[in-house]
Amino acid sequence: MRRSSFRQFEVFEAIARRGSFTRAAEELFLTQPTVSMQIKKLSDTVGLSLFDQVGKQIYLTDAGEALLVTCREIFESLNNFEMQVMDLKGLKKGKLRLAVVTTAQYFAPRLLGSFCKLYPGIDVSLEVSNREGLLERIRGNRDDLYVLGQPPKGLDVIYKNFLDNDLVVLAPSNHPLAGVPNIPLARLESEPFIMREPGSGTRMALERLFNIHNLNLNMRMELGSSEAIKQTILGGLGISVLSQHAFSAATSMGQLTVLDVECFPIKSQWYVVYLAGKKPSIIAQTFLDYLGDTANQVISEQSNIAAPTL
């Protein structure tokens, strides 16, 4: 393996990540024959096939899976070394790979915007996924840090809360319960709910609350994004529970309202997570420190979100 070139590892990792020789060639600005030749040389060195092809789909072999883990460890070690060198020079340069659940996309760009102004030498990549997709990325060690509303169970991770995440009941502004004070929680049993997919942190929090009070949740529809839920609420198909960060006065234009229901808002937190066996890079640690210093400011900027009528 020591006879293999770094370029061969780059080509292999790009193919594995993109699932295509053609897309990998485009990403690396290489011709497809060049990419195929590099993989053939690497396979010959390993002595085993790295990919299986079924129709137009390619899949990693067991040897390919093992090599992919090794490649990513090599790339991560080199990136960390570059960051350490820049830090010794008094510079903050490098790359931050951040992955967040879909609801966090409403505030993550704001956090990243001010972070990049403070550290213009840091490049940031942002991946947005549902909870199951994010858990898969954590298992695969695909990113530096992860942001979600509930710490993952069954994974050996370090997590830290950094921002309040109040969950509120959202309804159309013309809903019969709009403006009614102190609505009993049991009153919501008869209301049709529009919720996120199973496994969503918001959904788990609502189901836990209903179970504690021995109430039944009338689930009418499951949708994969908060935006779709908001539009469905506006269409009069039901109510929902969403993070206060998932909507704003600007987007709702007075058409949505937060119902005054007992036990709400459900107090929750946003968490930043990374694998327990992985020491954060200098850049990742810089972002972790930044989150600790910036959370209160973000809450202040979004204080208008908590208004009863949006």
Protein backbone atom coordinates (compact mmCIF):
# COMPACT_ATOMS: atom_id res chain seq x y z
CA MET A 1 0.00 0.00 0.00
CA ARG A 2 2.92 2.36 0.53
CA ARG A 3 3.44 2.28 -3.25
CA SER A 4 -0.04 3.77 -3.72
CA SER A 5 -0.19 7.49 -4.43
CA PHE A 6 -2.17 10.06 -2.49
CA ARG A 7 -3.97 10.90 -5.73
CA GLN A 8 -5.21 7.33 -6.02
CA PHE A 9 -6.70 7.61 -2.54
CA GLU A 10 -8.39 10.88 -3.50
CA VAL A 11 -9.87 9.33 -6.63
CA PHE A 12 -11.08 6.27 -4.72
CA GLU A 13 -12.69 8.33 -1.95
CA ALA A 14 -14.45 10.60 -4.47
CA ILE A 15 -15.92 7.60 -6.32
CA ALA A 16 -17.10 6.02 -3.06
CA ARG A 17 -18.66 9.29 -1.90
CA ARG A 18 -20.28 10.24 -5.20
CA GLY A 19 -21.23 6.70 -6.23
CA SER A 20 -20.01 7.29 -9.76
CA PHE A 21 -16.76 7.26 -11.74
CA THR A 22 -18.11 10.03 -13.95
CA ARG A 23 -19.09 12.38 -11.12
CA ALA A 24 -15.78 11.74 -9.37
CA ALA A 25 -13.91 12.62 -12.56
CA GLU A 26 -15.89 15.86 -12.85
CA GLU A 27 -15.20 16.78 -9.22
CA LEU A 28 -11.45 16.16 -9.55
CA PHE A 29 -11.17 17.68 -13.06
CA LEU A 30 -9.91 14.41 -14.50
CA THR A 31 -10.95 12.38 -17.50
CA GLN A 32 -12.92 9.20 -16.83
CA PRO A 33 -10.20 6.97 -18.38
CA THR A 34 -7.70 8.53 -15.95
CA VAL A 35 -9.99 7.81 -13.01
CA SER A 36 -10.50 4.20 -14.15
CA MET A 37 -6.77 3.72 -14.58
CA GLN A 38 -6.02 5.06 -11.07
CA ILE A 39 -8.57 2.68 -9.54
CA LYS A 40 -7.17 -0.27 -11.50
CA LYS A 41 -3.67 0.47 -10.20
CA LEU A 42 -4.98 0.81 -6.65
CA SER A 43 -6.94 -2.46 -6.92
CA ASP A 44 -3.87 -4.23 -8.27
CA THR A 45 -1.84 -2.95 -5.32
CA VAL A 46 -4.47 -4.10 -2.82
CA GLY A 47 -4.85 -7.40 -4.63
CA LEU A 48 -8.66 -7.29 -4.35
CA SER A 49 -11.49 -5.59 -6.18
CA LEU A 50 -12.61 -2.36 -4.53
CA PHE A 51 -15.95 -1.94 -6.33
CA ASP A 52 -18.70 -4.21 -7.57
CA GLN A 53 -20.89 -3.04 -10.44
CA VAL A 54 -24.52 -4.13 -10.72
CA GLY A 55 -26.10 -2.60 -13.77
CA LYS A 56 -25.28 1.09 -13.61
CA GLN A 57 -24.82 1.07 -9.82
CA ILE A 58 -21.45 0.60 -8.13
CA TYR A 59 -21.00 -0.75 -4.62
CA LEU A 60 -18.00 -0.98 -2.31
CA THR A 61 -16.63 -4.44 -1.66
CA ASP A 62 -15.49 -5.43 1.83
CA ALA A 63 -11.96 -4.38 0.85
CA GLY A 64 -13.36 -1.11 -0.48
CA GLU A 65 -15.23 -0.43 2.76
CA ALA A 66 -12.05 -0.99 4.78
CA LEU A 67 -9.99 1.20 2.45
CA LEU A 68 -12.57 4.01 2.61
CA VAL A 69 -12.23 4.16 6.41
CA THR A 70 -8.44 4.29 6.05
CA CYS A 71 -8.58 7.02 3.39
CA ARG A 72 -10.79 9.24 5.51
CA GLU A 73 -8.49 8.76 8.50
CA ILE A 74 -5.51 9.78 6.34
CA PHE A 75 -7.29 12.86 4.99
CA GLU A 76 -8.44 13.87 8.46
CA SER A 77 -4.93 13.50 9.90
CA LEU A 78 -3.45 15.65 7.14
CA ASN A 79 -6.16 18.29 7.59
CA ASN A 80 -5.50 18.39 11.32
CA PHE A 81 -1.77 18.76 10.69
CA GLU A 82 -2.39 21.69 8.33
CA MET A 83 -4.62 23.33 10.94
CA GLN A 84 -1.97 22.86 13.64
CA VAL A 85 0.65 24.47 11.41
CA MET A 86 -1.63 27.43 10.72
CA ASP A 87 -2.40 27.74 14.42
CA LEU A 88 1.32 27.78 15.23
CA LYS A 89 1.66 30.61 12.72
CA GLY A 90 -1.08 32.54 14.51
CA LEU A 91 -3.63 31.92 11.75
CA LYS A 92 -7.01 30.24 11.77
CA LYS A 93 -7.27 28.44 8.46
CA GLY A 94 -8.86 25.15 7.52
CA LYS A 95 -12.23 23.57 6.89
CA LEU A 96 -15.21 22.95 9.14
CA ARG A 97 -17.63 20.19 8.15
CA LEU A 98 -20.95 20.77 9.89
CA ALA A 99 -24.12 18.66 9.54
CA VAL A 100 -27.47 19.71 11.00
CA VAL A 101 -31.04 18.41 11.19
CA THR A 102 -33.50 20.15 8.90
CA THR A 103 -35.04 22.46 11.52
CA ALA A 104 -31.58 23.78 12.44
CA GLN A 105 -31.24 25.22 8.94
CA TYR A 106 -33.32 28.19 10.15
CA PHE A 107 -30.55 29.45 12.43
CA ALA A 108 -27.37 27.59 11.36
CA PRO A 109 -26.62 29.95 8.42
CA ARG A 110 -26.81 32.92 10.79
CA LEU A 111 -24.34 31.26 13.15
CA LEU A 112 -22.02 30.35 10.31
CA GLY A 113 -22.24 33.81 8.74
CA SER A 114 -20.92 35.62 11.79
CA PHE A 115 -18.40 32.81 12.44
CA CYS A 116 -16.94 33.19 8.95
CA LYS A 117 -16.68 36.95 9.43
CA LEU A 118 -14.61 36.34 12.54
CA TYR A 119 -12.45 33.71 10.80
CA PRO A 120 -12.39 34.47 7.05
CA GLY A 121 -9.69 31.83 6.50
CA ILE A 122 -12.03 29.01 7.50
CA ASP A 123 -14.07 27.29 4.80
CA VAL A 124 -17.35 25.76 5.92
CA SER A 125 -19.43 22.98 4.41
CA LEU A 126 -23.00 22.56 5.68
CA GLU A 127 -25.04 19.39 5.24
CA VAL A 128 -28.76 19.38 6.06
CA SER A 129 -30.53 16.09 6.73
CA ASN A 130 -33.36 14.56 8.70
CA ARG A 131 -32.51 12.91 12.01
CA GLU A 132 -32.00 9.40 10.60
CA GLY A 133 -29.72 10.74 7.90
CA LEU A 134 -27.73 12.68 10.48
CA LEU A 135 -27.32 9.61 12.69
CA GLU A 136 -25.99 7.74 9.68
CA ARG A 137 -23.46 10.50 9.06
CA ILE A 138 -22.37 10.32 12.72
CA ARG A 139 -21.87 6.56 12.47
CA GLY A 140 -19.78 7.07 9.34
CA ASN A 141 -17.72 9.90 10.90
CA ARG A 142 -18.55 12.02 7.85
CA ASP A 143 -18.32 15.45 9.51
CA ASP A 144 -16.61 17.36 12.31
CA LEU A 145 -19.69 18.41 14.28
CA TYR A 146 -23.42 17.73 14.26
CA VAL A 147 -26.36 19.81 15.46
CA LEU A 148 -29.64 18.17 16.54
CA GLY A 149 -32.49 18.59 18.98
CA GLN A 150 -32.07 15.33 20.90
CA PRO A 151 -28.72 13.67 21.74
CA PRO A 152 -28.50 10.34 19.88
CA LYS A 153 -29.03 7.17 21.88
CA GLY A 154 -26.90 4.11 21.36
CA LEU A 155 -23.96 6.08 19.97
CA ASP A 156 -20.79 6.91 21.89
CA VAL A 157 -20.80 10.68 21.50
CA ILE A 158 -19.96 13.87 23.36
CA TYR A 159 -22.77 16.42 23.33
CA LYS A 160 -23.28 19.91 24.66
CA ASN A 161 -26.38 22.10 24.66
CA PHE A 162 -25.85 25.61 23.32
CA LEU A 163 -29.26 27.10 22.47
CA ASP A 164 -32.83 27.00 23.78
CA ASN A 165 -35.26 25.15 21.52
CA ASP A 166 -38.79 25.84 22.75
CA LEU A 167 -41.47 23.71 21.06
CA VAL A 168 -44.85 25.40 20.56
CA VAL A 169 -48.28 24.47 19.19
CA LEU A 170 -48.86 26.12 15.83
CA ALA A 171 -52.27 26.60 14.20
CA PRO A 172 -53.91 28.78 11.52
CA SER A 173 -54.75 32.25 12.81
CA ASN A 174 -58.47 31.55 12.22
CA HIS A 175 -58.44 28.36 14.31
CA PRO A 176 -61.26 28.18 16.92
CA LEU A 177 -58.68 27.95 19.73
CA ALA A 178 -56.70 30.99 18.56
CA GLY A 179 -56.57 33.53 21.37
CA VAL A 180 -58.11 31.16 23.93
CA PRO A 181 -56.08 31.29 27.18
CA ASN A 182 -54.88 28.23 29.13
CA ILE A 183 -56.15 25.55 26.75
CA PRO A 184 -56.15 22.14 28.52
CA LEU A 185 -53.73 19.69 26.98
CA ALA A 186 -56.52 17.10 26.76
CA ARG A 187 -58.38 19.42 24.39
CA LEU A 188 -55.75 18.63 21.73
CA GLU A 189 -56.72 14.94 21.65
CA SER A 190 -59.50 15.80 19.19
CA GLU A 191 -57.26 17.96 16.99
CA PRO A 192 -55.68 16.44 13.86
CA PHE A 193 -51.88 16.71 14.06
CA ILE A 194 -49.42 17.13 11.21
CA MET A 195 -46.04 15.88 12.34
CA ARG A 196 -42.52 15.10 11.25
CA GLU A 197 -41.37 11.58 10.41
CA PRO A 198 -40.82 8.95 13.17
CA GLY A 199 -37.51 9.57 14.93
CA SER A 200 -37.78 13.35 14.70
CA GLY A 201 -36.74 15.05 17.95
CA THR A 202 -39.82 17.28 17.93
CA ARG A 203 -42.14 14.34 17.41
CA MET A 204 -40.48 12.32 20.17
CA ALA A 205 -40.92 15.23 22.60
CA LEU A 206 -44.63 15.55 21.77
CA GLU A 207 -45.26 11.80 22.00
CA ARG A 208 -43.47 11.71 25.35
CA LEU A 209 -45.68 14.53 26.69
CA PHE A 210 -48.90 12.84 25.55
CA ASN A 211 -47.80 9.50 27.02
CA ILE A 212 -47.05 11.10 30.40
CA HIS A 213 -50.64 12.44 30.51
CA ASN A 214 -52.16 9.22 29.10
CA LEU A 215 -53.49 11.04 26.04
CA ASN A 216 -53.85 9.81 22.47
CA LEU A 217 -52.23 11.72 19.63
CA ASN A 218 -54.51 12.11 16.60
CA MET A 219 -51.92 11.84 13.83
CA ARG A 220 -53.39 12.94 10.52
CA MET A 221 -50.31 13.33 8.36
CA GLU A 222 -46.54 12.85 8.40
CA LEU A 223 -44.32 15.23 6.43
CA GLY A 224 -40.56 15.41 6.00
CA SER A 225 -39.94 19.12 6.52
CA SER A 226 -41.10 21.99 8.71
CA GLU A 227 -41.81 24.10 5.63
CA ALA A 228 -44.23 21.47 4.30
CA ILE A 229 -45.90 21.31 7.71
CA LYS A 230 -46.39 25.07 7.81
CA GLN A 231 -48.00 25.09 4.38
CA THR A 232 -50.26 22.21 5.36
CA ILE A 233 -51.34 24.06 8.51
CA LEU A 234 -52.16 27.08 6.36
CA GLY A 235 -54.25 24.76 4.21
CA GLY A 236 -56.41 24.00 7.24
CA LEU A 237 -55.53 20.32 7.52
CA GLY A 238 -54.50 20.39 11.17
CA ILE A 239 -52.17 21.77 13.81
CA SER A 240 -48.60 20.89 14.71
CA VAL A 241 -45.80 21.29 17.20
CA LEU A 242 -42.70 22.98 15.84
CA SER A 243 -39.52 24.56 17.12
CA GLN A 244 -39.78 28.31 17.61
CA HIS A 245 -36.84 28.54 15.20
CA ALA A 246 -38.84 26.96 12.36
CA PHE A 247 -40.89 30.03 11.57
CA SER A 248 -40.79 33.82 11.75
CA ALA A 249 -43.07 36.79 11.44
CA ALA A 250 -41.62 37.53 8.01
CA THR A 251 -42.53 34.14 6.56
CA SER A 252 -45.85 33.64 8.31
CA MET A 253 -47.28 37.12 7.59
CA GLY A 254 -49.85 36.83 10.37
CA GLN A 255 -51.43 33.65 9.01
CA LEU A 256 -50.18 31.38 11.81
CA THR A 257 -50.63 31.60 15.55
CA VAL A 258 -49.12 29.93 18.61
CA LEU A 259 -51.83 28.36 20.78
CA ASP A 260 -51.71 28.95 24.55
CA VAL A 261 -51.76 25.30 25.68
CA GLU A 262 -50.87 24.03 29.13
CA CYS A 263 -47.46 22.27 29.32
CA PHE A 264 -46.26 24.39 26.42
CA PRO A 265 -43.81 25.48 25.34
CA ILE A 266 -41.97 22.20 25.76
CA LYS A 267 -38.55 23.22 26.99
CA SER A 268 -35.83 21.67 24.87
CA GLN A 269 -32.30 22.40 23.74
CA TRP A 270 -30.18 22.34 20.61
CA TYR A 271 -27.10 20.15 20.99
CA VAL A 272 -23.77 20.07 19.21
CA VAL A 273 -22.39 16.54 18.98
CA TYR A 274 -19.21 14.72 17.98
CA LEU A 275 -17.92 11.16 18.34
CA ALA A 276 -16.47 10.41 21.78
CA GLY A 277 -13.29 8.85 20.42
CA LYS A 278 -12.58 11.77 18.11
CA LYS A 279 -10.69 14.79 19.38
CA PRO A 280 -12.11 17.95 17.75
CA SER A 281 -9.76 19.61 15.31
CA ILE A 282 -8.51 23.13 16.05
CA ILE A 283 -11.19 24.53 13.73
CA ALA A 284 -13.95 22.40 15.26
CA GLN A 285 -12.89 23.46 18.76
CA THR A 286 -12.88 27.08 17.64
CA PHE A 287 -16.48 26.67 16.46
CA LEU A 288 -17.46 24.94 19.72
CA ASP A 289 -16.06 27.87 21.69
CA TYR A 290 -17.83 30.28 19.36
CA LEU A 291 -21.18 28.53 19.94
CA GLY A 292 -20.78 28.91 23.69
CA ASP A 293 -20.16 32.62 23.31
CA THR A 294 -22.90 33.23 20.71
CA ALA A 295 -25.97 31.26 21.86
CA ASN A 296 -27.42 34.04 24.03
CA GLN A 297 -27.05 36.50 21.19
CA VAL A 298 -28.93 34.20 18.83
CA ILE A 299 -31.76 33.83 21.36
CA SER A 300 -31.98 37.61 21.66
CA GLU A 301 -32.11 38.08 17.90
CA GLN A 302 -34.97 35.59 17.62
CA SER A 303 -37.01 36.91 20.54
CA ASN A 304 -39.69 38.21 18.16
CA ILE A 305 -40.39 34.62 17.06
CA ALA A 306 -42.05 33.81 20.35
CA ALA A 307 -44.86 36.32 19.78
CA PRO A 308 -48.31 34.64 20.02
CA THR A 309 -49.47 35.67 16.53
CA LEU A 310 -47.04 35.43 13.65
